[in-house]
Amino acid sequence: MSRGDGNSESSPLLRRLSPTPTLTAELEDESTHSASPSASYKTSQTVSVAQFVRDNVTAILYLYLLIVEFGNYLQAAPRAAIFENIICHERYINDSSDLLRGHGEDVVYGSLGVGCKGASVQDELAFVRGMQEMFDCLPGLFLAMPYGHLANRHGRKLILFAAVAGMCLQYTWVLIVTWFSSTLQLRLIWLSSLFLVLGGGQSVSRSLAFVIVSDVTSEKKRATVFFRVEAVTLIARAAASALSSFLMTDDPWMPMVLGLGFIYLGSLFVLLLPASTSSEHTPSHDRNIARSADVEADETSSLPSAGYSRRFERMWKTIWKAMSQDSRIILLLALAIIGQLSSRTTGLLLQYAAKRYFWTFARANMLLVLRMMVTVVALLVLIPLLTSSLPRLPSLLRPASKDLFLARLSTILLATGLAFMALASKPVLMIVGVTIFSCGFGTFSALRSVLTTVVLQRDRATYGRPSLDQHRSSSNVECDSDLGGEERDHISILYAAMSLGQTVAKAAGPIYATLFQIGQRWGGMGQGLPFGIAAVLAMLVHCALWYVAVGGG
């Protein structure tokens, strides 16, 4: 064919129809598909499955969180009961294998009498569990930022799966130690926290799950999706706690092993996630942010450690600058930590109720079911009704004032509920206290929203940006498209600081264990000492919030 012919109208068509190797391969593929319909069906089926997975990332994460949380709470009460049995047998019986396996919790108590509720057993139980809580928090405290950096560089799915694998190994180690308790010391369960070095543990896995959800969700739908995630996990916890109480009446080992199986099952859903969450999976209005993050990662790819250290240094400089310019930020960060300390008593609730009322752990576990159910009702019904009715009050017309009011209300509910729990000489008072305490579920969300408002007011006063009152609500202002990059960075960094402080507060298990031991020695009303201290902390947060002023608040 001449060069002149190549410029003719028909030349591209002729060129495409020429018997090139590519065309030959395509024709062979077509003949193969026509000759083998099953192969064509399998190919299309594979493509459709892959497309389905990409389009349903949020649903996959729902299932992952639901199943893992279900397995975790299915184990909570049986684990405490088995720990108590092991300690009790170490104190009173040399060979406990016959009593530990194949018998229900009530039978064990009937065999050993009330000695298992004695001070020596309960002190050791509180100490073992408190130290375990502290050790479990340490990997997340020191490794959350490095793993977050690795997730941005190498893919979130990889780090999320590593975190879930570490959790599976941790729970497996606890099961091994408790099963062979006649040979292994119970305190060896503390070594289980070493497995959380792989992936950073529950705090990292949960954070990554929320990040992946935010990657594939538009800004308008993000708050609703997060709301549903919280509701799903709470319902899973309530259902697991109820089932656990039922199964424990026959054998505490059954829900313990079954819970581990659910955790392993939930981890498999992580494998269904796409290999990465690139900008092609990101909503169009978020793609510029994703591209900016990719550019930043490329700029530091040659020196990853230097890039990480620069980010860490930048974070602390931003926090220090913000706190030095606005004392309200210092106060709110401190209040978040203190508020977290006040809520950590729920880990002692099982042991406290079982000891004070001589209940089995199966019966005491129903308090956790009550707590979860009340929280779900508050989340789905009470808070939306209250939020919709608040703007009708003249003093709460501004969203910032509404958020501050909710924070104050939540903290007073926490303080009141904890006070009831501390002084509950009868089970009915404990039930009232748990109910009121559970209604204060929104404390930390409200504090985070108030912190967002304060930061934006400071930034917009500094950079001369529009007033905060132009936005619909302070609870959604952090993801509003009107935010500048500097404001987004400041909010993200201060959120990280708040989460870091709350993680530190979660490591307060040994403190509450010591308070529990002191309370047991006092006896009577003194048994509720940890809850009394927590009530005082919650009340301090409530009082301090009256010194926080936001526009119109």
Protein backbone atom coordinates (compact mmCIF):
# COMPACT_ATOMS: atom_id res chain seq x y z
CA MET A 1 0.00 0.00 0.00
CA SER A 2 1.43 3.41 -0.99
CA ARG A 3 1.94 6.23 1.50
CA GLY A 4 -0.63 8.25 -0.36
CA ASP A 5 -3.15 5.52 0.11
CA GLY A 6 -2.49 5.69 3.83
CA ASN A 7 -4.06 9.14 3.90
CA SER A 8 -7.26 8.02 2.23
CA GLU A 9 -10.57 7.76 4.04
CA SER A 10 -10.60 3.99 3.83
CA SER A 11 -7.07 3.36 5.06
CA PRO A 12 -7.77 3.22 8.79
CA LEU A 13 -10.55 0.72 8.18
CA LEU A 14 -8.37 -1.38 5.90
CA ARG A 15 -5.55 -1.18 8.42
CA ARG A 16 -7.78 -2.46 11.15
CA LEU A 17 -8.99 -5.30 8.96
CA SER A 18 -5.54 -6.42 7.92
CA PRO A 19 -4.55 -9.86 9.20
CA THR A 20 -2.22 -8.65 11.98
CA PRO A 21 -1.17 -10.96 14.82
CA THR A 22 -3.41 -9.00 17.18
CA LEU A 23 -6.43 -9.44 14.95
CA THR A 24 -5.64 -13.11 14.50
CA ALA A 25 -5.54 -13.57 18.26
CA GLU A 26 -8.80 -11.72 18.66
CA LEU A 27 -10.45 -13.86 15.99
CA GLU A 28 -9.14 -16.98 17.67
CA ASP A 29 -10.51 -15.78 21.00
CA GLU A 30 -13.89 -15.15 19.42
CA SER A 31 -13.95 -18.58 17.82
CA THR A 32 -12.86 -20.13 21.09
CA HIS A 33 -15.63 -18.34 22.98
CA SER A 34 -18.20 -19.32 20.39
CA ALA A 35 -16.97 -22.88 20.53
CA SER A 36 -16.89 -22.91 24.32
CA PRO A 37 -19.87 -21.07 25.87
CA SER A 38 -18.90 -22.31 29.33
CA ALA A 39 -15.53 -20.55 29.11
CA SER A 40 -17.24 -17.33 28.04
CA TYR A 41 -19.68 -17.65 30.92
CA LYS A 42 -16.88 -18.21 33.43
CA THR A 43 -15.00 -15.16 32.18
CA SER A 44 -18.05 -12.91 32.38
CA GLN A 45 -18.90 -14.35 35.78
CA THR A 46 -15.41 -13.57 37.08
CA VAL A 47 -15.66 -10.00 35.78
CA SER A 48 -19.10 -9.55 37.34
CA VAL A 49 -17.89 -10.82 40.72
CA ALA A 50 -14.91 -8.45 40.65
CA GLN A 51 -17.20 -5.56 39.72
CA PHE A 52 -19.62 -6.53 42.48
CA VAL A 53 -16.80 -6.48 45.05
CA ARG A 54 -15.63 -3.05 43.88
CA ASP A 55 -19.18 -1.68 44.07
CA ASN A 56 -19.87 -3.11 47.52
CA VAL A 57 -16.78 -2.24 49.54
CA THR A 58 -18.93 -0.63 52.24
CA ALA A 59 -21.15 -3.72 52.55
CA ILE A 60 -18.08 -5.95 52.85
CA LEU A 61 -16.73 -3.75 55.63
CA TYR A 62 -20.14 -3.85 57.35
CA LEU A 63 -19.92 -7.65 57.39
CA TYR A 64 -16.31 -7.60 58.56
CA LEU A 65 -17.04 -5.28 61.50
CA LEU A 66 -20.28 -7.06 62.40
CA ILE A 67 -18.76 -10.55 62.49
CA VAL A 68 -15.52 -9.57 64.25
CA GLU A 69 -17.35 -7.49 66.88
CA PHE A 70 -19.83 -10.34 67.35
CA GLY A 71 -16.99 -12.80 67.97
CA ASN A 72 -15.18 -10.42 70.29
CA TYR A 73 -18.20 -9.80 72.54
CA LEU A 74 -19.19 -13.45 72.42
CA GLN A 75 -15.92 -14.11 74.24
CA ALA A 76 -15.98 -11.25 76.75
CA ALA A 77 -18.01 -12.74 79.62
CA PRO A 78 -16.82 -16.36 79.19
CA ARG A 79 -13.22 -15.15 79.22
CA ALA A 80 -13.76 -13.38 82.55
CA ALA A 81 -15.51 -16.44 84.01
CA ILE A 82 -12.74 -18.79 82.90
CA PHE A 83 -10.07 -16.45 84.29
CA GLU A 84 -11.88 -16.39 87.63
CA ASN A 85 -12.19 -20.17 87.66
CA ILE A 86 -8.49 -20.63 86.95
CA ILE A 87 -7.45 -18.21 89.70
CA CYS A 88 -9.93 -19.77 92.14
CA HIS A 89 -8.64 -23.25 91.43
CA GLU A 90 -5.06 -22.10 91.87
CA ARG A 91 -6.04 -20.75 95.29
CA TYR A 92 -8.16 -23.67 96.53
CA ILE A 93 -7.76 -26.74 94.30
CA ASN A 94 -4.66 -28.30 92.81
CA ASP A 95 -6.27 -30.10 89.87
CA SER A 96 -8.94 -27.99 88.17
CA SER A 97 -9.14 -29.67 84.77
CA ASP A 98 -12.26 -31.68 85.63
CA LEU A 99 -14.16 -28.61 86.82
CA LEU A 100 -12.98 -26.29 84.06
CA ARG A 101 -14.19 -28.41 81.18
CA GLY A 102 -17.56 -29.96 80.53
CA HIS A 103 -19.47 -28.18 83.30
CA GLY A 104 -21.53 -25.03 83.40
CA GLU A 105 -20.58 -21.92 85.29
CA ASP A 106 -23.18 -22.51 88.01
CA VAL A 107 -21.80 -26.00 88.68
CA VAL A 108 -18.31 -24.59 89.15
CA TYR A 109 -19.60 -22.05 91.64
CA GLY A 110 -21.60 -24.70 93.42
CA SER A 111 -18.51 -26.91 93.78
CA LEU A 112 -16.25 -24.15 95.04
CA GLY A 113 -18.73 -22.11 97.04
CA VAL A 114 -18.38 -18.34 97.49
CA GLY A 115 -14.61 -18.60 97.86
CA CYS A 116 -14.25 -17.54 94.22
CA LYS A 117 -15.84 -14.21 95.16
CA GLY A 118 -13.28 -13.68 97.92
CA ALA A 119 -10.90 -10.74 97.97
CA SER A 120 -7.76 -12.68 96.98
CA VAL A 121 -9.38 -14.15 93.85
CA GLN A 122 -11.07 -10.92 92.80
CA ASP A 123 -7.93 -8.83 93.37
CA GLU A 124 -5.90 -11.12 91.14
CA LEU A 125 -8.64 -11.19 88.50
CA ALA A 126 -8.84 -7.40 88.41
CA PHE A 127 -5.05 -7.14 88.21
CA VAL A 128 -4.72 -9.69 85.38
CA ARG A 129 -7.47 -8.07 83.32
CA GLY A 130 -6.28 -4.53 84.01
CA MET A 131 -2.73 -5.29 82.92
CA GLN A 132 -4.05 -7.07 79.83
CA GLU A 133 -6.01 -3.95 78.85
CA MET A 134 -2.88 -1.82 79.22
CA PHE A 135 -0.67 -4.18 77.22
CA ASP A 136 -3.31 -4.39 74.46
CA CYS A 137 -3.25 -0.59 74.09
CA LEU A 138 0.52 -0.22 73.79
CA PRO A 139 0.96 -1.54 70.20
CA GLY A 140 -1.74 0.79 68.92
CA LEU A 141 -0.29 3.70 70.88
CA PHE A 142 3.21 3.39 69.43
CA LEU A 143 2.48 1.86 66.02
CA ALA A 144 -0.71 3.60 64.86
CA MET A 145 1.14 6.40 63.04
CA PRO A 146 3.80 4.17 61.40
CA TYR A 147 1.14 1.73 60.21
CA GLY A 148 -1.00 4.63 58.98
CA HIS A 149 1.97 5.82 56.94
CA LEU A 150 2.55 2.31 55.57
CA ALA A 151 -1.14 2.00 54.68
CA ASN A 152 -0.95 5.18 52.60
CA ARG A 153 2.18 3.95 50.86
CA HIS A 154 1.54 0.23 50.34
CA GLY A 155 -2.23 -0.18 50.47
CA ARG A 156 -4.77 -0.20 53.26
CA LYS A 157 -5.96 -3.73 52.61
CA LEU A 158 -2.50 -5.15 53.41
CA ILE A 159 -2.19 -3.33 56.75
CA LEU A 160 -5.81 -4.07 57.67
CA PHE A 161 -5.30 -7.77 57.05
CA ALA A 162 -2.07 -7.70 59.09
CA ALA A 163 -3.95 -6.08 61.99
CA VAL A 164 -6.75 -8.65 61.84
CA ALA A 165 -4.20 -11.50 61.65
CA GLY A 166 -2.47 -10.15 64.75
CA MET A 167 -5.80 -10.06 66.60
CA CYS A 168 -6.57 -13.65 65.58
CA LEU A 169 -3.19 -14.81 66.88
CA GLN A 170 -3.73 -12.88 70.11
CA TYR A 171 -7.09 -14.51 70.86
CA THR A 172 -5.69 -17.90 69.91
CA TRP A 173 -2.83 -17.50 72.40
CA VAL A 174 -5.29 -16.58 75.18
CA LEU A 175 -7.33 -19.69 74.39
CA ILE A 176 -4.21 -21.89 74.48
CA VAL A 177 -3.03 -20.51 77.84
CA THR A 178 -6.45 -20.89 79.48
CA TRP A 179 -7.05 -24.37 78.05
CA PHE A 180 -3.72 -25.63 79.38
CA SER A 181 -4.03 -23.71 82.66
CA SER A 182 -2.88 -26.73 84.65
CA THR A 183 0.51 -26.34 82.96
CA LEU A 184 0.70 -22.65 81.98
CA GLN A 185 0.39 -19.68 84.32
CA LEU A 186 -2.59 -17.43 83.63
CA ARG A 187 -0.40 -14.32 83.51
CA LEU A 188 1.16 -15.69 80.33
CA ILE A 189 -1.88 -14.27 78.53
CA TRP A 190 -0.09 -10.93 78.74
CA LEU A 191 2.26 -12.19 76.02
CA SER A 192 -0.72 -12.20 73.66
CA SER A 193 -0.29 -8.45 73.22
CA LEU A 194 2.98 -9.09 71.38
CA PHE A 195 0.97 -10.45 68.45
CA LEU A 196 -0.65 -7.02 68.09
CA VAL A 197 2.70 -5.66 66.92
CA LEU A 198 1.60 -7.24 63.64
CA GLY A 199 -0.76 -4.59 62.30
CA GLY A 200 -1.16 -2.49 65.45
CA GLY A 201 -4.25 -4.17 66.91
CA GLN A 202 -7.90 -3.23 67.11
CA SER A 203 -7.44 0.55 67.10
CA VAL A 204 -5.52 0.45 63.81
CA SER A 205 -7.88 -2.07 62.17
CA ARG A 206 -10.98 -0.08 63.11
CA SER A 207 -9.43 3.21 61.98
CA LEU A 208 -8.41 1.70 58.63
CA ALA A 209 -11.92 0.32 58.14
CA PHE A 210 -13.35 3.82 58.58
CA VAL A 211 -10.71 5.29 56.25
CA ILE A 212 -11.60 2.77 53.53
CA VAL A 213 -15.28 3.60 53.97
CA SER A 214 -14.51 7.32 53.63
CA ASP A 215 -12.49 6.62 50.47
CA VAL A 216 -15.44 5.07 48.66
CA THR A 217 -18.22 7.26 50.10
CA SER A 218 -19.23 10.73 49.01
CA GLU A 219 -19.06 13.55 51.52
CA LYS A 220 -22.84 13.89 51.59
CA LYS A 221 -23.31 10.22 52.51
CA ARG A 222 -20.25 9.81 54.75
CA ALA A 223 -21.87 10.83 58.05
CA THR A 224 -24.82 8.51 57.37
CA VAL A 225 -22.52 5.60 56.57
CA PHE A 226 -20.48 6.13 59.74
CA PHE A 227 -23.72 6.31 61.69
CA ARG A 228 -24.80 2.95 60.24
CA VAL A 229 -21.42 1.39 61.01
CA GLU A 230 -21.77 2.38 64.67
CA ALA A 231 -25.33 1.05 64.77
CA VAL A 232 -24.30 -2.25 63.15
CA THR A 233 -21.44 -2.82 65.60
CA LEU A 234 -23.62 -1.98 68.61
CA ILE A 235 -26.33 -4.39 67.50
CA ALA A 236 -23.70 -7.09 66.95
CA ARG A 237 -22.32 -6.53 70.45
CA ALA A 238 -25.77 -6.71 72.04
CA ALA A 239 -26.69 -9.91 70.17
CA ALA A 240 -23.33 -11.52 70.99
CA SER A 241 -23.60 -10.65 74.69
CA ALA A 242 -27.11 -12.10 74.90
CA LEU A 243 -26.09 -15.32 73.12
CA SER A 244 -22.99 -15.57 75.30
CA SER A 245 -25.06 -15.42 78.49
CA PHE A 246 -27.31 -18.19 77.18
CA LEU A 247 -24.43 -20.46 76.15
CA MET A 248 -22.48 -19.91 79.38
CA THR A 249 -25.18 -21.53 81.48
CA ASP A 250 -24.13 -24.82 79.92
CA ASP A 251 -20.39 -24.36 79.36
CA PRO A 252 -18.26 -21.15 79.30
CA TRP A 253 -15.86 -22.79 76.85
CA MET A 254 -18.50 -23.05 74.11
CA PRO A 255 -18.92 -19.28 73.48
CA MET A 256 -15.16 -18.81 74.03
CA VAL A 257 -14.26 -21.15 71.15
CA LEU A 258 -17.23 -20.07 69.02
CA GLY A 259 -16.22 -16.42 69.38
CA LEU A 260 -12.72 -17.17 68.13
CA GLY A 261 -14.26 -18.92 65.11
CA PHE A 262 -16.31 -15.82 64.28
CA ILE A 263 -13.21 -13.61 64.50
CA TYR A 264 -11.38 -15.87 62.04
CA LEU A 265 -14.44 -15.88 59.76
CA GLY A 266 -14.69 -12.09 59.82
CA SER A 267 -11.04 -11.73 58.90
CA LEU A 268 -11.71 -13.54 55.60
CA PHE A 269 -13.89 -10.63 54.42
CA VAL A 270 -10.80 -8.41 54.38
CA LEU A 271 -9.46 -10.59 51.55
CA LEU A 272 -12.49 -9.61 49.43
CA LEU A 273 -11.57 -5.92 49.50
CA PRO A 274 -9.92 -4.39 46.41
CA ALA A 275 -6.12 -4.41 46.49
CA SER A 276 -6.02 -0.63 46.88
CA THR A 277 -8.32 2.33 47.20
CA SER A 278 -7.07 4.61 44.47
CA SER A 279 -8.69 7.74 43.14
CA GLU A 280 -10.74 5.68 40.66
CA HIS A 281 -12.76 4.37 43.61
CA THR A 282 -12.99 7.80 45.19
CA PRO A 283 -16.02 10.04 44.58
CA SER A 284 -15.33 12.76 42.01
CA HIS A 285 -15.38 15.63 44.50
CA ASP A 286 -12.75 13.86 46.61
CA ARG A 287 -10.37 12.98 43.79
CA ASN A 288 -8.36 16.18 44.04
CA ILE A 289 -7.60 15.35 47.65
CA ALA A 290 -6.59 11.82 46.70
CA ARG A 291 -4.33 13.10 43.95
CA SER A 292 -2.71 15.56 46.35
CA ALA A 293 -2.02 12.73 48.78
CA ASP A 294 -0.54 10.65 45.95
CA VAL A 295 1.74 13.52 44.94
CA GLU A 296 2.87 13.97 48.52
CA ALA A 297 3.62 10.26 48.80
CA ASP A 298 5.61 10.33 45.56
CA GLU A 299 7.68 13.27 46.78
CA THR A 300 8.74 11.37 49.89
CA SER A 301 8.99 7.91 48.36
CA SER A 302 12.76 8.10 48.06
CA LEU A 303 13.13 8.91 51.75
CA PRO A 304 10.22 7.22 53.55
CA SER A 305 11.69 7.54 57.02
CA ALA A 306 12.47 11.21 56.53
CA GLY A 307 8.93 11.82 55.21
CA TYR A 308 7.45 10.12 58.25
CA SER A 309 9.61 12.08 60.69
CA ARG A 310 8.66 15.33 58.96
CA ARG A 311 4.97 14.51 59.28
CA PHE A 312 5.39 13.61 62.94
CA GLU A 313 7.26 16.86 63.62
CA ARG A 314 4.67 18.84 61.68
CA MET A 315 1.85 17.25 63.68
CA TRP A 316 3.31 18.27 67.03
CA LYS A 317 4.12 21.79 65.78
CA THR A 318 0.54 22.21 64.61
CA ILE A 319 -0.85 20.95 67.92
CA TRP A 320 1.43 23.21 69.95
CA LYS A 321 0.65 26.25 67.80
CA ALA A 322 -3.09 25.65 68.02
CA MET A 323 -3.01 25.20 71.80
CA SER A 324 -0.85 28.30 72.32
CA GLN A 325 -3.24 30.42 70.22
CA ASP A 326 -6.50 29.18 71.74
CA SER A 327 -6.76 27.84 75.29
CA ARG A 328 -10.09 26.21 74.46
CA ILE A 329 -8.24 23.63 72.35
CA ILE A 330 -6.07 22.64 75.32
CA LEU A 331 -9.17 22.30 77.47
CA LEU A 332 -11.09 20.23 74.91
CA LEU A 333 -8.19 17.83 74.32
CA ALA A 334 -7.78 17.39 78.07
CA LEU A 335 -11.51 16.85 78.49
CA ALA A 336 -11.50 14.16 75.82
CA ILE A 337 -8.79 12.26 77.70
CA ILE A 338 -10.52 12.66 81.07
CA GLY A 339 -13.85 11.68 79.52
CA GLN A 340 -12.27 8.52 78.13
CA LEU A 341 -10.89 7.73 81.59
CA SER A 342 -14.38 8.06 83.05
CA SER A 343 -15.83 5.57 80.56
CA ARG A 344 -13.17 2.87 81.02
CA THR A 345 -15.03 1.44 84.02
CA THR A 346 -17.22 -0.64 81.71
CA GLY A 347 -14.40 -3.21 81.62
CA LEU A 348 -14.94 -3.72 85.36
CA LEU A 349 -18.72 -3.82 85.15
CA LEU A 350 -18.93 -7.61 84.74
CA GLN A 351 -16.63 -8.36 87.64
CA TYR A 352 -18.11 -5.65 89.87
CA ALA A 353 -21.71 -6.84 89.42
CA ALA A 354 -20.78 -10.52 89.77
CA LYS A 355 -18.85 -9.82 92.99
CA ARG A 356 -21.28 -7.39 94.59
CA TYR A 357 -24.45 -9.40 93.98
CA PHE A 358 -22.87 -12.90 93.91
CA TRP A 359 -24.07 -13.32 90.34
CA THR A 360 -22.69 -15.67 87.75
CA PHE A 361 -20.90 -13.97 84.87
CA ALA A 362 -23.68 -15.17 82.59
CA ARG A 363 -26.17 -13.16 84.60
CA ALA A 364 -23.90 -10.14 85.01
CA ASN A 365 -23.33 -10.14 81.27
CA MET A 366 -26.97 -9.13 80.76
CA LEU A 367 -25.97 -5.68 82.03
CA LEU A 368 -23.78 -5.36 78.93
CA VAL A 369 -26.76 -6.41 76.80
CA LEU A 370 -28.82 -3.68 78.49
CA ARG A 371 -26.07 -1.15 77.90
CA MET A 372 -25.81 -1.95 74.19
CA MET A 373 -29.57 -1.93 73.63
CA VAL A 374 -30.04 1.41 75.38
CA THR A 375 -27.15 2.86 73.37
CA VAL A 376 -28.75 1.66 70.11
CA VAL A 377 -32.08 3.27 71.09
CA ALA A 378 -30.29 6.49 72.03
CA LEU A 379 -28.36 6.49 68.77
CA LEU A 380 -31.29 5.69 66.49
CA VAL A 381 -34.17 7.44 68.28
CA LEU A 382 -33.33 9.73 71.20
CA ILE A 383 -30.40 11.69 69.73
CA PRO A 384 -32.13 12.38 66.37
CA LEU A 385 -35.29 13.54 68.16
CA LEU A 386 -33.30 15.75 70.50
CA THR A 387 -31.20 17.16 67.66
CA SER A 388 -34.26 18.04 65.60
CA SER A 389 -35.99 19.76 68.51
CA LEU A 390 -33.02 21.76 69.82
CA PRO A 391 -32.99 24.45 67.08
CA ARG A 392 -36.44 25.55 68.23
CA LEU A 393 -34.90 26.94 71.42
CA PRO A 394 -33.74 30.56 70.93
CA SER A 395 -30.44 30.01 72.74
CA LEU A 396 -29.57 27.01 70.56
CA LEU A 397 -30.22 28.38 67.09
CA ARG A 398 -26.57 28.08 66.08
CA PRO A 399 -25.22 24.59 65.36
CA ALA A 400 -22.14 25.30 67.51
CA SER A 401 -24.35 26.02 70.53
CA LYS A 402 -26.32 22.84 69.89
CA ASP A 403 -23.15 20.69 69.84
CA LEU A 404 -21.91 22.25 73.06
CA PHE A 405 -25.28 21.61 74.71
CA LEU A 406 -25.16 17.95 73.64
CA ALA A 407 -21.63 17.60 75.07
CA ARG A 408 -22.75 19.03 78.40
CA LEU A 409 -25.85 16.83 78.46
CA SER A 410 -23.87 13.69 77.63
CA THR A 411 -21.32 14.28 80.37
CA ILE A 412 -23.96 14.88 83.04
CA LEU A 413 -25.65 11.62 81.99
CA LEU A 414 -22.31 9.81 82.28
CA ALA A 415 -21.67 11.26 85.73
CA THR A 416 -25.18 10.46 86.99
CA GLY A 417 -25.11 6.90 85.67
CA LEU A 418 -21.68 6.20 87.15
CA ALA A 419 -22.80 7.59 90.53
CA PHE A 420 -25.79 5.21 90.55
CA MET A 421 -23.50 2.30 89.67
CA ALA A 422 -21.07 3.22 92.46
CA LEU A 423 -23.79 3.37 95.12
CA ALA A 424 -25.96 0.53 93.79
CA SER A 425 -26.52 -1.63 96.85
CA LYS A 426 -29.34 -3.40 94.99
CA PRO A 427 -29.48 -4.72 91.42
CA VAL A 428 -32.35 -2.39 90.47
CA LEU A 429 -30.16 0.64 91.18
CA MET A 430 -27.42 -0.87 89.04
CA ILE A 431 -29.87 -1.31 86.16
CA VAL A 432 -30.95 2.35 86.49
CA GLY A 433 -27.31 3.45 86.55
CA VAL A 434 -26.34 1.42 83.46
CA THR A 435 -29.37 2.81 81.59
CA ILE A 436 -28.50 6.44 82.37
CA PHE A 437 -24.80 5.85 81.68
CA SER A 438 -25.60 4.36 78.26
CA CYS A 439 -27.56 7.47 77.27
CA GLY A 440 -24.31 9.45 77.52
CA PHE A 441 -22.95 7.56 74.52
CA GLY A 442 -22.57 10.74 72.43
CA THR A 443 -20.01 12.42 74.68
CA PHE A 444 -16.96 11.93 72.49
CA SER A 445 -18.73 12.66 69.20
CA ALA A 446 -20.04 15.90 70.71
CA LEU A 447 -16.58 16.84 72.04
CA ARG A 448 -15.06 16.15 68.62
CA SER A 449 -17.67 18.35 66.98
CA VAL A 450 -17.05 21.20 69.44
CA LEU A 451 -13.29 20.88 68.82
CA THR A 452 -13.95 21.16 65.07
CA THR A 453 -15.95 24.33 65.63
CA VAL A 454 -13.24 25.91 67.78
CA VAL A 455 -10.46 25.07 65.31
CA LEU A 456 -12.41 26.46 62.35
CA GLN A 457 -13.28 29.64 64.21
CA ARG A 458 -9.59 30.16 64.99
CA ASP A 459 -8.44 29.37 61.45
CA ARG A 460 -11.05 31.51 59.77
CA ALA A 461 -10.23 34.42 62.04
CA THR A 462 -6.54 33.94 61.16
CA TYR A 463 -6.92 33.43 57.40
CA GLY A 464 -9.94 35.67 56.90
CA ARG A 465 -12.20 32.94 55.52
CA PRO A 466 -16.03 33.08 55.68
CA SER A 467 -17.86 32.85 58.98
CA LEU A 468 -18.67 29.45 60.38
CA ASP A 469 -22.33 30.41 60.62
CA GLN A 470 -22.64 30.12 56.86
CA HIS A 471 -22.39 26.35 57.15
CA ARG A 472 -25.31 24.11 57.83
CA SER A 473 -23.95 22.41 60.93
CA SER A 474 -20.67 22.16 62.78
CA SER A 475 -20.93 18.38 62.87
CA ASN A 476 -20.47 18.25 59.09
CA VAL A 477 -18.27 21.27 58.65
CA GLU A 478 -15.05 19.33 58.60
CA CYS A 479 -15.96 17.67 55.31
CA ASP A 480 -17.58 20.74 53.74
CA SER A 481 -16.23 21.59 50.34
CA ASP A 482 -15.61 25.20 51.46
CA LEU A 483 -12.80 24.15 53.75
CA GLY A 484 -9.28 25.08 52.76
CA GLY A 485 -6.36 22.68 52.83
CA GLU A 486 -4.87 24.33 55.90
CA GLU A 487 -8.13 23.91 57.81
CA ARG A 488 -8.44 20.26 56.78
CA ASP A 489 -4.89 19.59 57.96
CA HIS A 490 -5.43 21.28 61.32
CA ILE A 491 -8.65 19.36 61.97
CA SER A 492 -7.12 16.02 60.96
CA ILE A 493 -4.05 16.57 63.11
CA LEU A 494 -6.08 17.59 66.17
CA TYR A 495 -8.37 14.59 65.66
CA ALA A 496 -5.24 12.44 65.68
CA ALA A 497 -4.10 14.12 68.90
CA MET A 498 -7.50 13.48 70.50
CA SER A 499 -7.44 9.83 69.43
CA LEU A 500 -3.88 9.47 70.73
CA GLY A 501 -4.89 10.90 74.10
CA GLN A 502 -7.90 8.61 74.30
CA THR A 503 -5.66 5.62 73.51
CA VAL A 504 -3.41 6.61 76.41
CA ALA A 505 -6.50 6.78 78.64
CA LYS A 506 -7.50 3.27 77.56
CA ALA A 507 -4.27 2.01 79.12
CA ALA A 508 -5.60 2.96 82.56
CA GLY A 509 -6.62 -0.64 83.32
CA PRO A 510 -4.11 -1.09 86.18
CA ILE A 511 -5.33 2.14 87.81
CA TYR A 512 -8.91 0.93 87.94
CA ALA A 513 -7.74 -2.51 89.03
CA THR A 514 -5.99 -0.90 92.01
CA LEU A 515 -9.09 1.15 92.84
CA PHE A 516 -11.19 -2.01 92.64
CA GLN A 517 -8.84 -3.79 95.05
CA ILE A 518 -9.02 -0.89 97.51
CA GLY A 519 -12.81 -0.85 97.25
CA GLN A 520 -13.01 -4.57 97.99
CA ARG A 521 -11.04 -4.06 101.18
CA TRP A 522 -13.34 -1.24 102.25
CA GLY A 523 -16.46 -3.31 101.60
CA GLY A 524 -20.04 -2.03 101.58
CA MET A 525 -20.47 1.17 99.56
CA GLY A 526 -16.71 1.30 99.12
CA GLN A 527 -16.90 -1.52 96.59
CA GLY A 528 -18.03 1.00 93.99
CA LEU A 529 -14.87 3.14 94.37
CA PRO A 530 -13.77 2.89 90.68
CA PHE A 531 -17.20 4.01 89.50
CA GLY A 532 -17.27 6.81 92.07
CA ILE A 533 -13.91 8.15 90.85
CA ALA A 534 -15.13 7.88 87.25
CA ALA A 535 -18.28 9.83 88.16
CA VAL A 536 -16.14 12.62 89.62
CA LEU A 537 -14.04 12.75 86.44
CA ALA A 538 -17.17 12.94 84.27
CA MET A 539 -18.55 15.74 86.45
CA LEU A 540 -15.25 17.64 86.12
CA VAL A 541 -15.58 17.42 82.33
CA HIS A 542 -19.16 18.68 82.56
CA CYS A 543 -18.22 21.65 84.71
CA ALA A 544 -15.24 22.54 82.53
CA LEU A 545 -17.46 22.61 79.43
CA TRP A 546 -19.26 25.61 80.88
CA TYR A 547 -15.99 27.53 80.46
CA VAL A 548 -15.90 26.69 76.74
CA ALA A 549 -17.57 29.32 74.59
CA VAL A 550 -18.38 28.96 70.91
CA GLY A 551 -20.23 31.45 68.79
CA GLY A 552 -23.50 32.02 70.55
CA GLY A 553 -22.76 29.25 73.05
